[in-house]
Amino acid sequence: MSNTIHLYPHLLEKFSNYSIEELIQLNNETVKGQGWGSTKAMFRTAIITAFSRKGIDLSRIITKEDGFTTVQAVPVRLEDNALIPLAY
């Protein structure tokens, strides 16, 4: 995939086959990693979307205030079908 326009749908399709535990591991490795630039943001957005599509509660890592949505870039764990942020 040389074109980032096609990367996001590709990632969504790929991540739809991941287990929740695999997505958690991937998220945690991604947020702890350095670099990547905008590609990392797209990659992480696809991970978050995959969690959402699996019905995971994201309310502990996503906030909406004054028309802005913020997603915390933190490692997470699953508790009662919700992602819980971990300090790192």
PDB file of N, CA and C in Angstrom:
ATOM      1  N   MET A   1       0.837  -1.175   0.000  1.00  0.00           N
ATOM      2  CA  MET A   1       0.000   0.000   0.000  1.00  0.00           C
ATOM      3  C   MET A   1       0.885   1.241   0.000  1.00  0.00           C
ATOM      4  N   SER A   2       1.099   1.790  -1.116  1.00  0.00           N
ATOM      5  CA  SER A   2       1.948   2.967  -1.193  1.00  0.00           C
ATOM      6  C   SER A   2       1.167   4.247  -0.957  1.00  0.00           C
ATOM      7  N   ASN A   3      -0.125   4.176  -1.006  1.00  0.00           N
ATOM      8  CA  ASN A   3      -0.945   5.366  -0.881  1.00  0.00           C
ATOM      9  C   ASN A   3      -1.684   5.349   0.455  1.00  0.00           C
ATOM     10  N   THR A   4      -1.459   6.380   1.272  1.00  0.00           N
ATOM     11  CA  THR A   4      -2.082   6.401   2.594  1.00  0.00           C
ATOM     12  C   THR A   4      -3.601   6.521   2.528  1.00  0.00           C
ATOM     13  N   ILE A   5      -4.144   6.972   1.410  1.00  0.00           N
ATOM     14  CA  ILE A   5      -5.600   7.046   1.263  1.00  0.00           C
ATOM     15  C   ILE A   5      -6.199   5.647   1.368  1.00  0.00           C
ATOM     16  N   HIS A   6      -5.490   4.655   0.881  1.00  0.00           N
ATOM     17  CA  HIS A   6      -5.973   3.279   0.918  1.00  0.00           C
ATOM     18  C   HIS A   6      -5.553   2.543   2.191  1.00  0.00           C
ATOM     19  N   LEU A   7      -4.672   3.139   2.953  1.00  0.00           N
ATOM     20  CA  LEU A   7      -4.160   2.477   4.152  1.00  0.00           C
ATOM     21  C   LEU A   7      -5.235   2.331   5.227  1.00  0.00           C
ATOM     22  N   TYR A   8      -5.990   3.376   5.498  1.00  0.00           N
ATOM     23  CA  TYR A   8      -6.980   3.330   6.572  1.00  0.00           C
ATOM     24  C   TYR A   8      -8.023   2.227   6.352  1.00  0.00           C
ATOM     25  N   PRO A   9      -8.668   2.150   5.187  1.00  0.00           N
ATOM     26  CA  PRO A   9      -9.624   1.046   4.976  1.00  0.00           C
ATOM     27  C   PRO A   9      -8.953  -0.330   5.083  1.00  0.00           C
ATOM     28  N   HIS A  10      -7.724  -0.413   4.626  1.00  0.00           N
ATOM     29  CA  HIS A  10      -6.980  -1.673   4.731  1.00  0.00           C
ATOM     30  C   HIS A  10      -6.784  -2.050   6.203  1.00  0.00           C
ATOM     31  N   LEU A  11      -6.402  -1.079   7.019  1.00  0.00           N
ATOM     32  CA  LEU A  11      -6.204  -1.342   8.445  1.00  0.00           C
ATOM     33  C   LEU A  11      -7.512  -1.730   9.124  1.00  0.00           C
ATOM     34  N   LEU A  12      -8.592  -1.034   8.789  1.00  0.00           N
ATOM     35  CA  LEU A  12      -9.892  -1.371   9.380  1.00  0.00           C
ATOM     36  C   LEU A  12     -10.277  -2.814   9.072  1.00  0.00           C
ATOM     37  N   GLU A  13     -10.071  -3.210   7.846  1.00  0.00           N
ATOM     38  CA  GLU A  13     -10.398  -4.581   7.456  1.00  0.00           C
ATOM     39  C   GLU A  13      -9.520  -5.579   8.211  1.00  0.00           C
ATOM     40  N   LYS A  14      -8.241  -5.278   8.270  1.00  0.00           N
ATOM     41  CA  LYS A  14      -7.299  -6.168   8.955  1.00  0.00           C
ATOM     42  C   LYS A  14      -7.629  -6.276  10.444  1.00  0.00           C
ATOM     43  N   PHE A  15      -7.867  -5.145  11.091  1.00  0.00           N
ATOM     44  CA  PHE A  15      -8.119  -5.140  12.532  1.00  0.00           C
ATOM     45  C   PHE A  15      -9.472  -5.746  12.894  1.00  0.00           C
ATOM     46  N   SER A  16     -10.390  -5.824  11.958  1.00  0.00           N
ATOM     47  CA  SER A  16     -11.692  -6.429  12.252  1.00  0.00           C
ATOM     48  C   SER A  16     -11.538  -7.908  12.602  1.00  0.00           C
ATOM     49  N   ASN A  17     -10.442  -8.507  12.174  1.00  0.00           N
ATOM     50  CA  ASN A  17     -10.185  -9.923  12.461  1.00  0.00           C
ATOM     51  C   ASN A  17      -9.371 -10.136  13.732  1.00  0.00           C
ATOM     52  N   TYR A  18      -8.929  -9.068  14.356  1.00  0.00           N
ATOM     53  CA  TYR A  18      -8.139  -9.179  15.580  1.00  0.00           C
ATOM     54  C   TYR A  18      -9.058  -9.401  16.775  1.00  0.00           C
ATOM     55  N   SER A  19      -8.570 -10.149  17.739  1.00  0.00           N
ATOM     56  CA  SER A  19      -9.302 -10.290  19.001  1.00  0.00           C
ATOM     57  C   SER A  19      -9.138  -8.992  19.799  1.00  0.00           C
ATOM     58  N   ILE A  20      -9.962  -8.827  20.793  1.00  0.00           N
ATOM     59  CA  ILE A  20      -9.852  -7.636  21.642  1.00  0.00           C
ATOM     60  C   ILE A  20      -8.490  -7.610  22.328  1.00  0.00           C
ATOM     61  N   GLU A  21      -8.033  -8.758  22.785  1.00  0.00           N
ATOM     62  CA  GLU A  21      -6.720  -8.818  23.443  1.00  0.00           C
ATOM     63  C   GLU A  21      -5.601  -8.438  22.469  1.00  0.00           C
ATOM     64  N   GLU A  22      -5.706  -8.869  21.228  1.00  0.00           N
ATOM     65  CA  GLU A  22      -4.699  -8.495  20.226  1.00  0.00           C
ATOM     66  C   GLU A  22      -4.726  -6.992  19.963  1.00  0.00           C
ATOM     67  N   LEU A  23      -5.918  -6.417  19.923  1.00  0.00           N
ATOM     68  CA  LEU A  23      -6.031  -4.970  19.719  1.00  0.00           C
ATOM     69  C   LEU A  23      -5.447  -4.204  20.903  1.00  0.00           C
ATOM     70  N   ILE A  24      -5.676  -4.697  22.106  1.00  0.00           N
ATOM     71  CA  ILE A  24      -5.107  -4.050  23.294  1.00  0.00           C
ATOM     72  C   ILE A  24      -3.585  -4.080  23.225  1.00  0.00           C
ATOM     73  N   GLN A  25      -3.046  -5.227  22.892  1.00  0.00           N
ATOM     74  CA  GLN A  25      -1.592  -5.352  22.788  1.00  0.00           C
ATOM     75  C   GLN A  25      -1.046  -4.421  21.702  1.00  0.00           C
ATOM     76  N   LEU A  26      -1.709  -4.381  20.569  1.00  0.00           N
ATOM     77  CA  LEU A  26      -1.283  -3.517  19.471  1.00  0.00           C
ATOM     78  C   LEU A  26      -1.363  -2.045  19.873  1.00  0.00           C
ATOM     79  N   ASN A  27      -2.461  -1.666  20.523  1.00  0.00           N
ATOM     80  CA  ASN A  27      -2.603  -0.287  21.000  1.00  0.00           C
ATOM     81  C   ASN A  27      -1.468   0.065  21.952  1.00  0.00           C
ATOM     82  N   ASN A  28      -1.223  -0.796  22.915  1.00  0.00           N
ATOM     83  CA  ASN A  28      -0.220  -0.498  23.932  1.00  0.00           C
ATOM     84  C   ASN A  28       1.179  -0.386  23.339  1.00  0.00           C
ATOM     85  N   GLU A  29       1.494  -1.224  22.383  1.00  0.00           N
ATOM     86  CA  GLU A  29       2.790  -1.128  21.709  1.00  0.00           C
ATOM     87  C   GLU A  29       2.874   0.150  20.877  1.00  0.00           C
ATOM     88  N   THR A  30       1.774   0.513  20.247  1.00  0.00           N
ATOM     89  CA  THR A  30       1.754   1.690  19.376  1.00  0.00           C
ATOM     90  C   THR A  30       1.936   2.980  20.166  1.00  0.00           C
ATOM     91  N   VAL A  31       1.220   3.129  21.271  1.00  0.00           N
ATOM     92  CA  VAL A  31       1.314   4.389  22.018  1.00  0.00           C
ATOM     93  C   VAL A  31       2.660   4.545  22.716  1.00  0.00           C
ATOM     94  N   LYS A  32       3.327   3.452  22.998  1.00  0.00           N
ATOM     95  CA  LYS A  32       4.637   3.534  23.645  1.00  0.00           C
ATOM     96  C   LYS A  32       5.758   3.770  22.644  1.00  0.00           C
ATOM     97  N   GLY A  33       5.487   3.534  21.365  1.00  0.00           N
ATOM     98  CA  GLY A  33       6.507   3.683  20.334  1.00  0.00           C
ATOM     99  C   GLY A  33       6.772   5.134  19.984  1.00  0.00           C
ATOM    100  N   GLN A  34       7.934   5.385  19.451  1.00  0.00           N
ATOM    101  CA  GLN A  34       8.343   6.728  19.033  1.00  0.00           C
ATOM    102  C   GLN A  34       8.182   6.866  17.519  1.00  0.00           C
ATOM    103  N   GLY A  35       8.008   8.095  17.079  1.00  0.00           N
ATOM    104  CA  GLY A  35       8.017   8.371  15.650  1.00  0.00           C
ATOM    105  C   GLY A  35       6.717   8.068  14.931  1.00  0.00           C
ATOM    106  N   TRP A  36       6.812   7.805  13.659  1.00  0.00           N
ATOM    107  CA  TRP A  36       5.751   7.464  12.724  1.00  0.00           C
ATOM    108  C   TRP A  36       5.054   8.669  12.120  1.00  0.00           C
ATOM    109  N   GLY A  37       4.879   9.750  12.830  1.00  0.00           N
ATOM    110  CA  GLY A  37       4.177  10.912  12.292  1.00  0.00           C
ATOM    111  C   GLY A  37       2.700  10.648  12.069  1.00  0.00           C
ATOM    112  N   SER A  38       2.174  11.156  10.967  1.00  0.00           N
ATOM    113  CA  SER A  38       0.735  11.057  10.710  1.00  0.00           C
ATOM    114  C   SER A  38       0.286   9.621  10.460  1.00  0.00           C
ATOM    115  N   THR A  39       1.177   8.778   9.996  1.00  0.00           N
ATOM    116  CA  THR A  39       0.814   7.382   9.770  1.00  0.00           C
ATOM    117  C   THR A  39       0.474   6.699  11.089  1.00  0.00           C
ATOM    118  N   LYS A  40       1.189   7.053  12.144  1.00  0.00           N
ATOM    119  CA  LYS A  40       0.903   6.482  13.465  1.00  0.00           C
ATOM    120  C   LYS A  40      -0.492   6.896  13.917  1.00  0.00           C
ATOM    121  N   ALA A  41      -0.856   8.136  13.683  1.00  0.00           N
ATOM    122  CA  ALA A  41      -2.190   8.613  14.069  1.00  0.00           C
ATOM    123  C   ALA A  41      -3.273   7.842  13.316  1.00  0.00           C
ATOM    124  N   MET A  42      -3.054   7.601  12.041  1.00  0.00           N
ATOM    125  CA  MET A  42      -4.023   6.848  11.244  1.00  0.00           C
ATOM    126  C   MET A  42      -4.114   5.403  11.739  1.00  0.00           C
ATOM    127  N   PHE A  43      -2.980   4.823  12.045  1.00  0.00           N
ATOM    128  CA  PHE A  43      -2.914   3.456  12.552  1.00  0.00           C
ATOM    129  C   PHE A  43      -3.687   3.353  13.865  1.00  0.00           C
ATOM    130  N   ARG A  44      -3.444   4.287  14.760  1.00  0.00           N
ATOM    131  CA  ARG A  44      -4.122   4.265  16.068  1.00  0.00           C
ATOM    132  C   ARG A  44      -5.615   4.529  15.919  1.00  0.00           C
ATOM    133  N   THR A  45      -5.992   5.410  15.011  1.00  0.00           N
ATOM    134  CA  THR A  45      -7.410   5.664  14.763  1.00  0.00           C
ATOM    135  C   THR A  45      -8.103   4.388  14.299  1.00  0.00           C
ATOM    136  N   ALA A  46      -7.439   3.628  13.465  1.00  0.00           N
ATOM    137  CA  ALA A  46      -8.008   2.359  13.003  1.00  0.00           C
ATOM    138  C   ALA A  46      -8.153   1.375  14.168  1.00  0.00           C
ATOM    139  N   ILE A  47      -7.202   1.374  15.082  1.00  0.00           N
ATOM    140  CA  ILE A  47      -7.299   0.509  16.263  1.00  0.00           C
ATOM    141  C   ILE A  47      -8.506   0.917  17.110  1.00  0.00           C
ATOM    142  N   ILE A  48      -8.640   2.210  17.368  1.00  0.00           N
ATOM    143  CA  ILE A  48      -9.753   2.718  18.183  1.00  0.00           C
ATOM    144  C   ILE A  48     -11.088   2.403  17.509  1.00  0.00           C
ATOM    145  N   THR A  49     -11.151   2.563  16.198  1.00  0.00           N
ATOM    146  CA  THR A  49     -12.376   2.247  15.457  1.00  0.00           C
ATOM    147  C   THR A  49     -12.705   0.764  15.577  1.00  0.00           C
ATOM    148  N   ALA A  50     -11.691  -0.080  15.518  1.00  0.00           N
ATOM    149  CA  ALA A  50     -11.914  -1.526  15.662  1.00  0.00           C
ATOM    150  C   ALA A  50     -12.488  -1.848  17.042  1.00  0.00           C
ATOM    151  N   PHE A  51     -11.963  -1.204  18.078  1.00  0.00           N
ATOM    152  CA  PHE A  51     -12.530  -1.390  19.423  1.00  0.00           C
ATOM    153  C   PHE A  51     -14.007  -0.990  19.428  1.00  0.00           C
ATOM    154  N   SER A  52     -14.292   0.151  18.858  1.00  0.00           N
ATOM    155  CA  SER A  52     -15.659   0.663  18.835  1.00  0.00           C
ATOM    156  C   SER A  52     -16.597  -0.296  18.108  1.00  0.00           C
ATOM    157  N   ARG A  53     -16.159  -0.808  16.984  1.00  0.00           N
ATOM    158  CA  ARG A  53     -16.983  -1.736  16.203  1.00  0.00           C
ATOM    159  C   ARG A  53     -17.218  -3.058  16.927  1.00  0.00           C
ATOM    160  N   LYS A  54     -16.350  -3.377  17.868  1.00  0.00           N
ATOM    161  CA  LYS A  54     -16.529  -4.593  18.664  1.00  0.00           C
ATOM    162  C   LYS A  54     -17.361  -4.327  19.914  1.00  0.00           C
ATOM    163  N   GLY A  55     -17.853  -3.099  20.050  1.00  0.00           N
ATOM    164  CA  GLY A  55     -18.732  -2.763  21.160  1.00  0.00           C
ATOM    165  C   GLY A  55     -18.025  -2.441  22.462  1.00  0.00           C
ATOM    166  N   ILE A  56     -16.748  -2.112  22.389  1.00  0.00           N
ATOM    167  CA  ILE A  56     -15.987  -1.784  23.591  1.00  0.00           C
ATOM    168  C   ILE A  56     -16.286  -0.340  24.002  1.00  0.00           C
ATOM    169  N   ASP A  57     -16.489  -0.131  25.289  1.00  0.00           N
ATOM    170  CA  ASP A  57     -16.741   1.203  25.837  1.00  0.00           C
ATOM    171  C   ASP A  57     -15.427   1.988  25.848  1.00  0.00           C
ATOM    172  N   LEU A  58     -15.407   3.095  25.140  1.00  0.00           N
ATOM    173  CA  LEU A  58     -14.204   3.920  25.018  1.00  0.00           C
ATOM    174  C   LEU A  58     -14.276   5.191  25.862  1.00  0.00           C
ATOM    175  N   SER A  59     -15.305   5.321  26.667  1.00  0.00           N
ATOM    176  CA  SER A  59     -15.558   6.582  27.368  1.00  0.00           C
ATOM    177  C   SER A  59     -14.457   6.991  28.344  1.00  0.00           C
ATOM    178  N   ARG A  60     -13.638   6.058  28.783  1.00  0.00           N
ATOM    179  CA  ARG A  60     -12.555   6.409  29.714  1.00  0.00           C
ATOM    180  C   ARG A  60     -11.324   6.961  28.998  1.00  0.00           C
ATOM    181  N   ILE A  61     -11.244   6.771  27.674  1.00  0.00           N
ATOM    182  CA  ILE A  61     -10.077   7.286  26.946  1.00  0.00           C
ATOM    183  C   ILE A  61     -10.450   8.344  25.913  1.00  0.00           C
ATOM    184  N   ILE A  62     -11.745   8.551  25.696  1.00  0.00           N
ATOM    185  CA  ILE A  62     -12.192   9.557  24.731  1.00  0.00           C
ATOM    186  C   ILE A  62     -13.051  10.584  25.454  1.00  0.00           C
ATOM    187  N   THR A  63     -12.719  11.850  25.260  1.00  0.00           N
ATOM    188  CA  THR A  63     -13.517  12.926  25.840  1.00  0.00           C
ATOM    189  C   THR A  63     -13.969  13.869  24.734  1.00  0.00           C
ATOM    190  N   LYS A  64     -15.147  14.433  24.928  1.00  0.00           N
ATOM    191  CA  LYS A  64     -15.687  15.417  23.992  1.00  0.00           C
ATOM    192  C   LYS A  64     -16.019  16.665  24.789  1.00  0.00           C
ATOM    193  N   GLU A  65     -15.406  17.767  24.382  1.00  0.00           N
ATOM    194  CA  GLU A  65     -15.603  19.016  25.100  1.00  0.00           C
ATOM    195  C   GLU A  65     -15.491  20.185  24.138  1.00  0.00           C
ATOM    196  N   ASP A  66     -16.447  21.082  24.205  1.00  0.00           N
ATOM    197  CA  ASP A  66     -16.461  22.280  23.359  1.00  0.00           C
ATOM    198  C   ASP A  66     -16.313  21.950  21.875  1.00  0.00           C
ATOM    199  N   GLY A  67     -16.928  20.861  21.452  1.00  0.00           N
ATOM    200  CA  GLY A  67     -16.892  20.487  20.048  1.00  0.00           C
ATOM    201  C   GLY A  67     -15.638  19.753  19.615  1.00  0.00           C
ATOM    202  N   PHE A  68     -14.744  19.468  20.539  1.00  0.00           N
ATOM    203  CA  PHE A  68     -13.506  18.765  20.218  1.00  0.00           C
ATOM    204  C   PHE A  68     -13.513  17.376  20.844  1.00  0.00           C
ATOM    205  N   THR A  69     -13.030  16.420  20.105  1.00  0.00           N
ATOM    206  CA  THR A  69     -12.889  15.060  20.614  1.00  0.00           C
ATOM    207  C   THR A  69     -11.413  14.786  20.843  1.00  0.00           C
ATOM    208  N   THR A  70     -11.102  14.284  22.024  1.00  0.00           N
ATOM    209  CA  THR A  70      -9.722  13.966  22.374  1.00  0.00           C
ATOM    210  C   THR A  70      -9.631  12.488  22.731  1.00  0.00           C
ATOM    211  N   VAL A  71      -8.665  11.820  22.130  1.00  0.00           N
ATOM    212  CA  VAL A  71      -8.405  10.418  22.437  1.00  0.00           C
ATOM    213  C   VAL A  71      -7.056  10.355  23.139  1.00  0.00           C
ATOM    214  N   GLN A  72      -7.059   9.855  24.359  1.00  0.00           N
ATOM    215  CA  GLN A  72      -5.810   9.744  25.105  1.00  0.00           C
ATOM    216  C   GLN A  72      -4.892   8.719  24.445  1.00  0.00           C
ATOM    217  N   ALA A  73      -3.644   9.072  24.299  1.00  0.00           N
ATOM    218  CA  ALA A  73      -2.640   8.151  23.752  1.00  0.00           C
ATOM    219  C   ALA A  73      -1.962   7.444  24.923  1.00  0.00           C
ATOM    220  N   VAL A  74      -2.664   6.460  25.463  1.00  0.00           N
ATOM    221  CA  VAL A  74      -2.183   5.741  26.643  1.00  0.00           C
ATOM    222  C   VAL A  74      -2.368   4.242  26.445  1.00  0.00           C
ATOM    223  N   PRO A  75      -1.539   3.451  27.124  1.00  0.00           N
ATOM    224  CA  PRO A  75      -1.805   2.015  27.156  1.00  0.00           C
ATOM    225  C   PRO A  75      -3.128   1.777  27.890  1.00  0.00           C
ATOM    226  N   VAL A  76      -3.773   0.673  27.583  1.00  0.00           N
ATOM    227  CA  VAL A  76      -5.079   0.383  28.178  1.00  0.00           C
ATOM    228  C   VAL A  76      -5.158  -1.072  28.629  1.00  0.00           C
ATOM    229  N   ARG A  77      -6.165  -1.333  29.441  1.00  0.00           N
ATOM    230  CA  ARG A  77      -6.538  -2.699  29.799  1.00  0.00           C
ATOM    231  C   ARG A  77      -8.054  -2.772  29.697  1.00  0.00           C
ATOM    232  N   LEU A  78      -8.585  -3.967  29.617  1.00  0.00           N
ATOM    233  CA  LEU A  78     -10.029  -4.156  29.506  1.00  0.00           C
ATOM    234  C   LEU A  78     -10.604  -4.526  30.865  1.00  0.00           C
ATOM    235  N   GLU A  79     -11.662  -3.834  31.239  1.00  0.00           N
ATOM    236  CA  GLU A  79     -12.368  -4.143  32.478  1.00  0.00           C
ATOM    237  C   GLU A  79     -13.853  -3.890  32.252  1.00  0.00           C
ATOM    238  N   ASP A  80     -14.666  -4.911  32.446  1.00  0.00           N
ATOM    239  CA  ASP A  80     -16.117  -4.793  32.264  1.00  0.00           C
ATOM    240  C   ASP A  80     -16.475  -4.199  30.904  1.00  0.00           C
ATOM    241  N   ASN A  81     -15.838  -4.694  29.864  1.00  0.00           N
ATOM    242  CA  ASN A  81     -16.074  -4.279  28.479  1.00  0.00           C
ATOM    243  C   ASN A  81     -15.733  -2.810  28.214  1.00  0.00           C
ATOM    244  N   ALA A  82     -14.876  -2.236  29.049  1.00  0.00           N
ATOM    245  CA  ALA A  82     -14.442  -0.848  28.864  1.00  0.00           C
ATOM    246  C   ALA A  82     -12.920  -0.791  28.866  1.00  0.00           C
ATOM    247  N   LEU A  83     -12.373   0.094  28.034  1.00  0.00           N
ATOM    248  CA  LEU A  83     -10.929   0.309  28.047  1.00  0.00           C
ATOM    249  C   LEU A  83     -10.589   1.256  29.186  1.00  0.00           C
ATOM    250  N   ILE A  84      -9.660   0.840  30.011  1.00  0.00           N
ATOM    251  CA  ILE A  84      -9.222   1.617  31.166  1.00  0.00           C
ATOM    252  C   ILE A  84      -7.800   2.094  30.893  1.00  0.00           C
ATOM    253  N   PRO A  85      -7.560   3.411  30.982  1.00  0.00           N
ATOM    254  CA  PRO A  85      -6.202   3.913  30.722  1.00  0.00           C
ATOM    255  C   PRO A  85      -5.228   3.488  31.814  1.00  0.00           C
ATOM    256  N   LEU A  86      -4.010   3.199  31.391  1.00  0.00           N
ATOM    257  CA  LEU A  86      -2.931   2.852  32.307  1.00  0.00           C
ATOM    258  C   LEU A  86      -1.881   3.953  32.262  1.00  0.00           C
ATOM    259  N   ALA A  87      -1.269   4.213  33.372  1.00  0.00           N
ATOM    260  CA  ALA A  87      -0.169   5.181  33.399  1.00  0.00           C
ATOM    261  C   ALA A  87       1.075   4.515  32.827  1.00  0.00           C
ATOM    262  N   TYR A  88       1.876   5.306  32.150  1.00  0.00           N
ATOM    263  CA  TYR A  88       3.166   4.778  31.671  1.00  0.00           C
ATOM    264  C   TYR A  88       4.204   5.842  31.696  1.00  0.00           C
TER     265      TYR A  88
END
